[in-house]
C-alpha atoms as a PDB file:
ATOM      1  CA  MET A   1      -4.531  10.994   0.221  1.00  0.00           C
ATOM      2  CA  SER A   2      -3.479  14.594  -0.274  1.00  0.00           C
ATOM      3  CA  ILE A   3       0.110  15.689   0.056  1.00  0.00           C
ATOM      4  CA  ALA A   4       1.620  16.725  -3.137  1.00  0.00           C
ATOM      5  CA  LEU A   5       1.235  19.777  -5.252  1.00  0.00           C
ATOM      6  CA  ASP A   6      -0.544  21.974  -2.737  1.00  0.00           C
ATOM      7  CA  SER A   7       2.341  21.625  -0.303  1.00  0.00           C
ATOM      8  CA  LEU A   8       5.230  21.272  -2.751  1.00  0.00           C
ATOM      9  CA  ARG A   9       4.499  23.916  -5.343  1.00  0.00           C
ATOM     10  CA  PRO A  10       6.439  27.179  -5.125  1.00  0.00           C
ATOM     11  CA  GLU A  11       4.744  30.116  -3.438  1.00  0.00           C
ATOM     12  CA  ARG A  12       2.336  31.936  -5.797  1.00  0.00           C
ATOM     13  CA  ALA A  13       2.811  29.224  -8.454  1.00  0.00           C
ATOM     14  CA  ASP A  14      -0.083  28.008 -10.571  1.00  0.00           C
ATOM     15  CA  PRO A  15      -1.296  24.719  -8.995  1.00  0.00           C
ATOM     16  CA  ARG A  16      -2.102  23.485 -12.494  1.00  0.00           C
ATOM     17  CA  GLY A  17       1.180  24.634 -14.010  1.00  0.00           C
ATOM     18  CA  SER A  18       3.542  22.368 -15.902  1.00  0.00           C
ATOM     19  CA  ILE A  19       6.225  20.360 -14.091  1.00  0.00           C
ATOM     20  CA  ALA A  20       9.656  19.132 -15.200  1.00  0.00           C
ATOM     21  CA  ILE A  21      11.120  16.382 -13.017  1.00  0.00           C
ATOM     22  CA  VAL A  22      14.796  16.016 -13.880  1.00  0.00           C
ATOM     23  CA  GLY A  23      16.640  12.850 -12.888  1.00  0.00           C
ATOM     24  CA  ASN A  24      20.380  12.292 -12.957  1.00  0.00           C
ATOM     25  CA  ALA A  25      20.844   9.580 -15.568  1.00  0.00           C
ATOM     26  CA  PRO A  26      23.296  10.460 -18.341  1.00  0.00           C
ATOM     27  CA  GLY A  27      22.109  10.862 -21.895  1.00  0.00           C
ATOM     28  CA  ILE A  28      19.563  13.649 -21.477  1.00  0.00           C
ATOM     29  CA  GLY A  29      19.215  15.361 -24.851  1.00  0.00           C
ATOM     30  CA  PRO A  30      19.298  19.094 -25.609  1.00  0.00           C
ATOM     31  CA  VAL A  31      16.196  19.936 -23.593  1.00  0.00           C
ATOM     32  CA  ALA A  32      17.468  22.773 -21.388  1.00  0.00           C
ATOM     33  CA  ARG A  33      15.011  25.271 -22.862  1.00  0.00           C
ATOM     34  CA  THR A  34      12.075  22.872 -22.446  1.00  0.00           C
ATOM     35  CA  ILE A  35      12.962  22.140 -18.812  1.00  0.00           C
ATOM     36  CA  ASP A  36      13.465  25.805 -17.933  1.00  0.00           C
ATOM     37  CA  ALA A  37      10.069  26.689 -19.478  1.00  0.00           C
ATOM     38  CA  ALA A  38       8.168  24.578 -16.915  1.00  0.00           C
ATOM     39  CA  HIS A  39       6.369  26.300 -14.048  1.00  0.00           C
ATOM     40  CA  GLN A  40       8.029  23.936 -11.596  1.00  0.00           C
ATOM     41  CA  VAL A  41      11.446  22.290 -12.040  1.00  0.00           C
ATOM     42  CA  VAL A  42      12.398  19.551  -9.599  1.00  0.00           C
ATOM     43  CA  ARG A  43      15.948  18.201  -9.414  1.00  0.00           C
ATOM     44  CA  PHE A  44      17.786  15.666  -7.278  1.00  0.00           C
ATOM     45  CA  ASN A  45      20.932  15.583  -5.164  1.00  0.00           C
ATOM     46  CA  ASN A  46      24.025  16.780  -7.064  1.00  0.00           C
ATOM     47  CA  ALA A  47      21.943  17.579 -10.183  1.00  0.00           C
ATOM     48  CA  PRO A  48      24.560  16.866 -12.865  1.00  0.00           C
ATOM     49  CA  GLY A  49      24.020  18.997 -15.952  1.00  0.00           C
ATOM     50  CA  PHE A  50      22.486  21.871 -14.015  1.00  0.00           C
ATOM     51  CA  GLY A  51      23.551  25.178 -15.511  1.00  0.00           C
ATOM     52  CA  GLY A  52      24.211  23.485 -18.844  1.00  0.00           C
ATOM     53  CA  ARG A  53      22.577  20.681 -20.787  1.00  0.00           C
ATOM     54  CA  THR A  54      19.640  20.236 -18.372  1.00  0.00           C
ATOM     55  CA  GLY A  55      18.826  23.909 -17.902  1.00  0.00           C
ATOM     56  CA  SER A  56      19.351  26.527 -15.238  1.00  0.00           C
ATOM     57  CA  ARG A  57      16.130  26.615 -13.208  1.00  0.00           C
ATOM     58  CA  VAL A  58      15.293  24.725 -10.049  1.00  0.00           C
ATOM     59  CA  THR A  59      12.252  25.365  -7.900  1.00  0.00           C
ATOM     60  CA  HIS A  60      12.764  22.302  -5.702  1.00  0.00           C
ATOM     61  CA  LEU A  61      15.897  20.311  -4.946  1.00  0.00           C
ATOM     62  CA  ALA A  62      15.368  16.862  -3.415  1.00  0.00           C
ATOM     63  CA  LEU A  63      18.257  15.870  -1.141  1.00  0.00           C
ATOM     64  CA  VAL A  64      18.521  12.295   0.108  1.00  0.00           C
ATOM     65  CA  ASN A  65      18.600  12.559   3.892  1.00  0.00           C
ATOM     66  CA  ARG A  66      19.680   9.036   4.767  1.00  0.00           C
ATOM     67  CA  GLY A  67      22.984   7.340   4.110  1.00  0.00           C
ATOM     68  CA  GLY A  68      26.456   8.374   3.128  1.00  0.00           C
ATOM     69  CA  GLN A  69      25.614  11.057   0.567  1.00  0.00           C
ATOM     70  CA  MET A  70      24.087  13.401   3.141  1.00  0.00           C
ATOM     71  CA  ARG A  71      26.948  12.665   5.517  1.00  0.00           C
ATOM     72  CA  GLU A  72      29.365  13.858   2.796  1.00  0.00           C
ATOM     73  CA  TRP A  73      27.359  17.050   2.229  1.00  0.00           C
ATOM     74  CA  LEU A  74      27.332  17.809   5.946  1.00  0.00           C
ATOM     75  CA  ALA A  75      31.138  17.614   5.952  1.00  0.00           C
ATOM     76  CA  ASP A  76      31.474  19.878   2.908  1.00  0.00           C
ATOM     77  CA  PRO A  77      31.964  23.544   3.987  1.00  0.00           C
ATOM     78  CA  GLY A  78      31.079  24.700   0.464  1.00  0.00           C
ATOM     79  CA  PHE A  79      27.815  22.800   0.137  1.00  0.00           C
ATOM     80  CA  LEU A  80      25.531  25.823   0.642  1.00  0.00           C
ATOM     81  CA  ASP A  81      27.459  27.725  -2.030  1.00  0.00           C
ATOM     82  CA  ARG A  82      26.738  25.195  -4.766  1.00  0.00           C
ATOM     83  CA  PRO A  83      24.783  26.903  -7.571  1.00  0.00           C
ATOM     84  CA  VAL A  84      21.923  24.404  -7.547  1.00  0.00           C
ATOM     85  CA  VAL A  85      21.566  24.779  -3.766  1.00  0.00           C
ATOM     86  CA  ARG A  86      21.706  28.573  -3.906  1.00  0.00           C
ATOM     87  CA  GLN A  87      19.150  28.794  -6.703  1.00  0.00           C
ATOM     88  CA  ALA A  88      16.635  26.286  -5.327  1.00  0.00           C
ATOM     89  CA  GLU A  89      13.464  27.936  -4.018  1.00  0.00           C
ATOM     90  CA  ALA A  90      12.761  25.034  -1.652  1.00  0.00           C
ATOM     91  CA  PHE A  91      14.093  21.632  -0.647  1.00  0.00           C
ATOM     92  CA  ILE A  92      12.553  18.180  -0.343  1.00  0.00           C
ATOM     93  CA  LEU A  93      13.875  15.617   2.144  1.00  0.00           C
ATOM     94  CA  PRO A  94      12.327  12.354   0.931  1.00  0.00           C
ATOM     95  CA  PHE A  95      12.630  10.247   4.086  1.00  0.00           C
ATOM     96  CA  PRO A  96      10.807  10.768   7.395  1.00  0.00           C
ATOM     97  CA  MET A  97      12.916  11.538  10.445  1.00  0.00           C
ATOM     98  CA  LEU A  98      13.873   8.417  12.394  1.00  0.00           C
ATOM     99  CA  PRO A  99      13.451   8.498  16.189  1.00  0.00           C
ATOM    100  CA  THR A 100      16.748   8.884  17.999  1.00  0.00           C
ATOM    101  CA  GLU A 101      16.603   5.334  19.376  1.00  0.00           C
ATOM    102  CA  ALA A 102      16.122   3.929  15.863  1.00  0.00           C
ATOM    103  CA  ASN A 103      19.129   5.827  14.522  1.00  0.00           C
ATOM    104  CA  ALA A 104      21.770   4.016  16.567  1.00  0.00           C
ATOM    105  CA  PRO A 105      24.362   2.669  17.025  1.00  0.00           C
ATOM    106  CA  GLU A 106      25.322   3.555  13.427  1.00  0.00           C
ATOM    107  CA  PRO A 107      23.437   6.662  12.252  1.00  0.00           C
ATOM    108  CA  ILE A 108      21.697   6.375   8.885  1.00  0.00           C
ATOM    109  CA  CYS A 109      19.235   9.276   9.180  1.00  0.00           C
ATOM    110  CA  TRP A 110      20.670  12.790   8.933  1.00  0.00           C
ATOM    111  CA  THR A 111      17.405  14.729   8.847  1.00  0.00           C
ATOM    112  CA  ARG A 112      18.014  16.829  11.953  1.00  0.00           C
ATOM    113  CA  GLU A 113      21.484  17.750  10.764  1.00  0.00           C
ATOM    114  CA  ALA A 114      20.196  18.520   7.249  1.00  0.00           C
ATOM    115  CA  LEU A 115      17.581  20.891   8.640  1.00  0.00           C
ATOM    116  CA  VAL A 116      20.278  22.731  10.595  1.00  0.00           C
ATOM    117  CA  LEU A 117      22.499  22.845   7.504  1.00  0.00           C
ATOM    118  CA  LEU A 118      19.785  24.353   5.300  1.00  0.00           C
ATOM    119  CA  ARG A 119      18.346  26.773   7.878  1.00  0.00           C
ATOM    120  CA  PRO A 120      20.661  29.718   7.013  1.00  0.00           C
ATOM    121  CA  LEU A 121      19.200  29.786   3.489  1.00  0.00           C
ATOM    122  CA  GLY A 122      15.763  30.649   4.893  1.00  0.00           C
ATOM    123  CA  LYS A 123      13.933  28.503   2.332  1.00  0.00           C
ATOM    124  CA  PRO A 124      11.111  25.985   2.856  1.00  0.00           C
ATOM    125  CA  VAL A 125      12.104  22.377   3.533  1.00  0.00           C
ATOM    126  CA  HIS A 126       9.455  19.715   2.853  1.00  0.00           C
ATOM    127  CA  LEU A 127       9.763  16.340   4.579  1.00  0.00           C
ATOM    128  CA  LEU A 128       7.843  13.564   2.816  1.00  0.00           C
ATOM    129  CA  PRO A 129       5.745  11.649   5.388  1.00  0.00           C
ATOM    130  CA  GLU A 130       5.599   7.950   6.132  1.00  0.00           C
ATOM    131  CA  ALA A 131       2.069   7.849   4.672  1.00  0.00           C
ATOM    132  CA  LEU A 132       3.503   8.670   1.251  1.00  0.00           C
ATOM    133  CA  HIS A 133       6.059   5.873   1.626  1.00  0.00           C
ATOM    134  CA  ASP A 134       3.255   3.460   2.512  1.00  0.00           C
ATOM    135  CA  GLU A 135       1.359   4.495  -0.613  1.00  0.00           C
ATOM    136  CA  ALA A 136       4.489   4.149  -2.753  1.00  0.00           C
ATOM    137  CA  ARG A 137       5.187   0.662  -1.417  1.00  0.00           C
ATOM    138  CA  ARG A 138       1.571  -0.368  -1.999  1.00  0.00           C
ATOM    139  CA  ARG A 139       1.674   0.744  -5.618  1.00  0.00           C
ATOM    140  CA  LEU A 140       4.997  -0.894  -6.338  1.00  0.00           C
ATOM    141  CA  ALA A 141       4.140  -4.175  -4.588  1.00  0.00           C
ATOM    142  CA  ARG A 142       1.133  -4.622  -6.923  1.00  0.00           C
ATOM    143  CA  GLY A 143      -0.790  -6.851  -4.565  1.00  0.00           C
ATOM    144  CA  THR A 144       2.149  -9.074  -3.621  1.00  0.00           C
ATOM    145  CA  LYS A 145       3.613  -9.505  -0.140  1.00  0.00           C
ATOM    146  CA  ASP A 146       6.751  -7.636  -1.166  1.00  0.00           C
ATOM    147  CA  CYS A 147       7.845  -4.545   0.776  1.00  0.00           C
ATOM    148  CA  PRO A 148       9.733  -2.556  -1.877  1.00  0.00           C
ATOM    149  CA  ASN A 149      12.104   0.286  -1.070  1.00  0.00           C
ATOM    150  CA  PRO A 150      11.080   3.151  -3.426  1.00  0.00           C
ATOM    151  CA  SER A 151      13.712   5.423  -4.906  1.00  0.00           C
ATOM    152  CA  THR A 152      13.808   9.130  -4.188  1.00  0.00           C
ATOM    153  CA  GLY A 153      12.766   9.815  -7.767  1.00  0.00           C
ATOM    154  CA  PHE A 154       9.682   7.652  -7.408  1.00  0.00           C
ATOM    155  CA  LEU A 155       8.692   9.131  -4.054  1.00  0.00           C
ATOM    156  CA  VAL A 156       8.958  12.730  -5.245  1.00  0.00           C
ATOM    157  CA  SER A 157       7.162  12.005  -8.521  1.00  0.00           C
ATOM    158  CA  LEU A 158       4.329  10.251  -6.707  1.00  0.00           C
ATOM    159  CA  ALA A 159       4.016  13.143  -4.255  1.00  0.00           C
ATOM    160  CA  LEU A 160       3.717  15.607  -7.126  1.00  0.00           C
ATOM    161  CA  LEU A 161       1.193  13.540  -9.073  1.00  0.00           C
ATOM    162  CA  LEU A 162      -1.157  12.517  -6.259  1.00  0.00           C
ATOM    163  CA  ASP A 163      -4.469  14.377  -6.557  1.00  0.00           C
ATOM    164  CA  ARG A 164      -3.112  16.507  -9.407  1.00  0.00           C
ATOM    165  CA  PRO A 165      -6.067  17.815 -11.484  1.00  0.00           C
ATOM    166  CA  THR A 166      -6.414  16.084 -14.853  1.00  0.00           C
ATOM    167  CA  ASP A 167      -6.626  19.431 -16.659  1.00  0.00           C
ATOM    168  CA  SER A 168      -3.229  20.549 -15.393  1.00  0.00           C
ATOM    169  CA  GLY A 169      -0.186  21.340 -17.505  1.00  0.00           C
ATOM    170  CA  GLU A 170       2.221  18.685 -18.692  1.00  0.00           C
ATOM    171  CA  VAL A 171       4.413  16.690 -16.350  1.00  0.00           C
ATOM    172  CA  ASN A 172       7.646  15.821 -18.153  1.00  0.00           C
ATOM    173  CA  ILE A 173      10.077  13.258 -16.753  1.00  0.00           C
ATOM    174  CA  HIS A 174      13.687  13.598 -17.924  1.00  0.00           C
ATOM    175  CA  GLY A 175      16.773  11.588 -17.012  1.00  0.00           C
ATOM    176  CA  PHE A 176      15.174   8.613 -15.266  1.00  0.00           C
ATOM    177  CA  GLY A 177      17.260   5.549 -16.168  1.00  0.00           C
ATOM    178  CA  PHE A 178      15.607   3.114 -13.697  1.00  0.00           C
ATOM    179  CA  ALA A 179      18.936   1.642 -12.642  1.00  0.00           C
ATOM    180  CA  GLY A 180      21.373   2.195  -9.810  1.00  0.00           C
ATOM    181  CA  TRP A 181      21.364   0.992  -6.208  1.00  0.00           C
ATOM    182  CA  PRO A 182      20.118  -2.639  -6.360  1.00  0.00           C
ATOM    183  CA  GLY A 183      17.849  -2.201  -3.347  1.00  0.00           C
ATOM    184  CA  HIS A 184      15.281  -0.202  -5.332  1.00  0.00           C
ATOM    185  CA  PRO A 185      12.548  -1.982  -7.358  1.00  0.00           C
ATOM    186  CA  TRP A 186      13.586  -0.506 -10.700  1.00  0.00           C
ATOM    187  CA  ALA A 187      11.447  -2.765 -12.894  1.00  0.00           C
ATOM    188  CA  ALA A 188       8.315  -1.991 -10.869  1.00  0.00           C
ATOM    189  CA  GLU A 189       9.072   1.745 -10.934  1.00  0.00           C
ATOM    190  CA  ARG A 190       9.632   1.675 -14.703  1.00  0.00           C
ATOM    191  CA  ALA A 191       6.302  -0.136 -15.132  1.00  0.00           C
ATOM    192  CA  TRP A 192       4.470   2.430 -12.974  1.00  0.00           C
ATOM    193  CA  PHE A 193       5.853   5.356 -14.973  1.00  0.00           C
ATOM    194  CA  ALA A 194       4.983   3.610 -18.249  1.00  0.00           C
ATOM    195  CA  GLU A 195       1.392   3.082 -17.087  1.00  0.00           C
ATOM    196  CA  ALA A 196       1.130   6.703 -15.925  1.00  0.00           C
ATOM    197  CA  ALA A 197       2.413   7.829 -19.321  1.00  0.00           C
ATOM    198  CA  ALA A 198      -0.086   5.612 -21.131  1.00  0.00           C
ATOM    199  CA  ALA A 199      -2.860   7.136 -19.018  1.00  0.00           C
ATOM    200  CA  GLY A 200      -1.773  10.644 -20.004  1.00  0.00           C
ATOM    201  CA  ARG A 201      -0.586  11.579 -16.521  1.00  0.00           C
ATOM    202  CA  LEU A 202       2.965  12.347 -17.613  1.00  0.00           C
ATOM    203  CA  ARG A 203       5.391  12.259 -20.515  1.00  0.00           C
ATOM    204  CA  LEU A 204       8.457  10.082 -20.089  1.00  0.00           C
ATOM    205  CA  HIS A 205      11.605  11.130 -21.973  1.00  0.00           C
ATOM    206  CA  PRO A 206      14.075   8.200 -21.746  1.00  0.00           C
ATOM    207  CA  PRO A 207      17.749   9.112 -21.678  1.00  0.00           C
ATOM    208  CA  GLU A 208      19.977   7.922 -24.486  1.00  0.00           C
ATOM    209  CA  ALA A 209      22.106   6.127 -21.908  1.00  0.00           C
ATOM    210  CA  SER A 210      20.928   5.263 -18.407  1.00  0.00           C
ATOM    211  CA  ASP A 211      22.415   3.955 -15.210  1.00  0.00           C
ATOM    212  CA  ALA A 212      20.765   6.088 -12.513  1.00  0.00           C
ATOM    213  CA  SER A 213      17.533   7.900 -11.766  1.00  0.00           C
END
């Protein structure tokens, strides 16, 4: 399965360059310089700490495109003027677009509206496909009959790591607390990241305090 770095890396970026994936859990140490030194810096949603303790670069900003958070952004006339939005080189919408008939009577998918919102910025918007979700669920289910609901952080990290050459630069994970909305399989996601770290695929930097990823 090939999706990830070839389609998500910034234009003209080294496909084997280093990556910093920056979650939103509190307790990230003084690593702004380390994060900003990466070839690719991926952040999520409101990106707390951006412009300060977590650095000032963002090549990709992942914006959750289902649920109430996107609905709030759509109603915010100043959303496009947020520094992290202005400075992002591209955006990632982690969830596939639901058909119109599946998005009623109460809308949960705001993909169409998000694409319209971001269009004036003239920057690429990457929509993660259902095939990636299937692969994420397969890995997190670990051979059981469970159908886990992967977090945005897991989906984006998996997309970036799939088919990534083994001789590539470091992938550093900051600010992933593996806690938050109870519908995500946090224990399974933590285990997957730990195994990937043990295999040398990434370096996991746990926050000093964690309640979100």
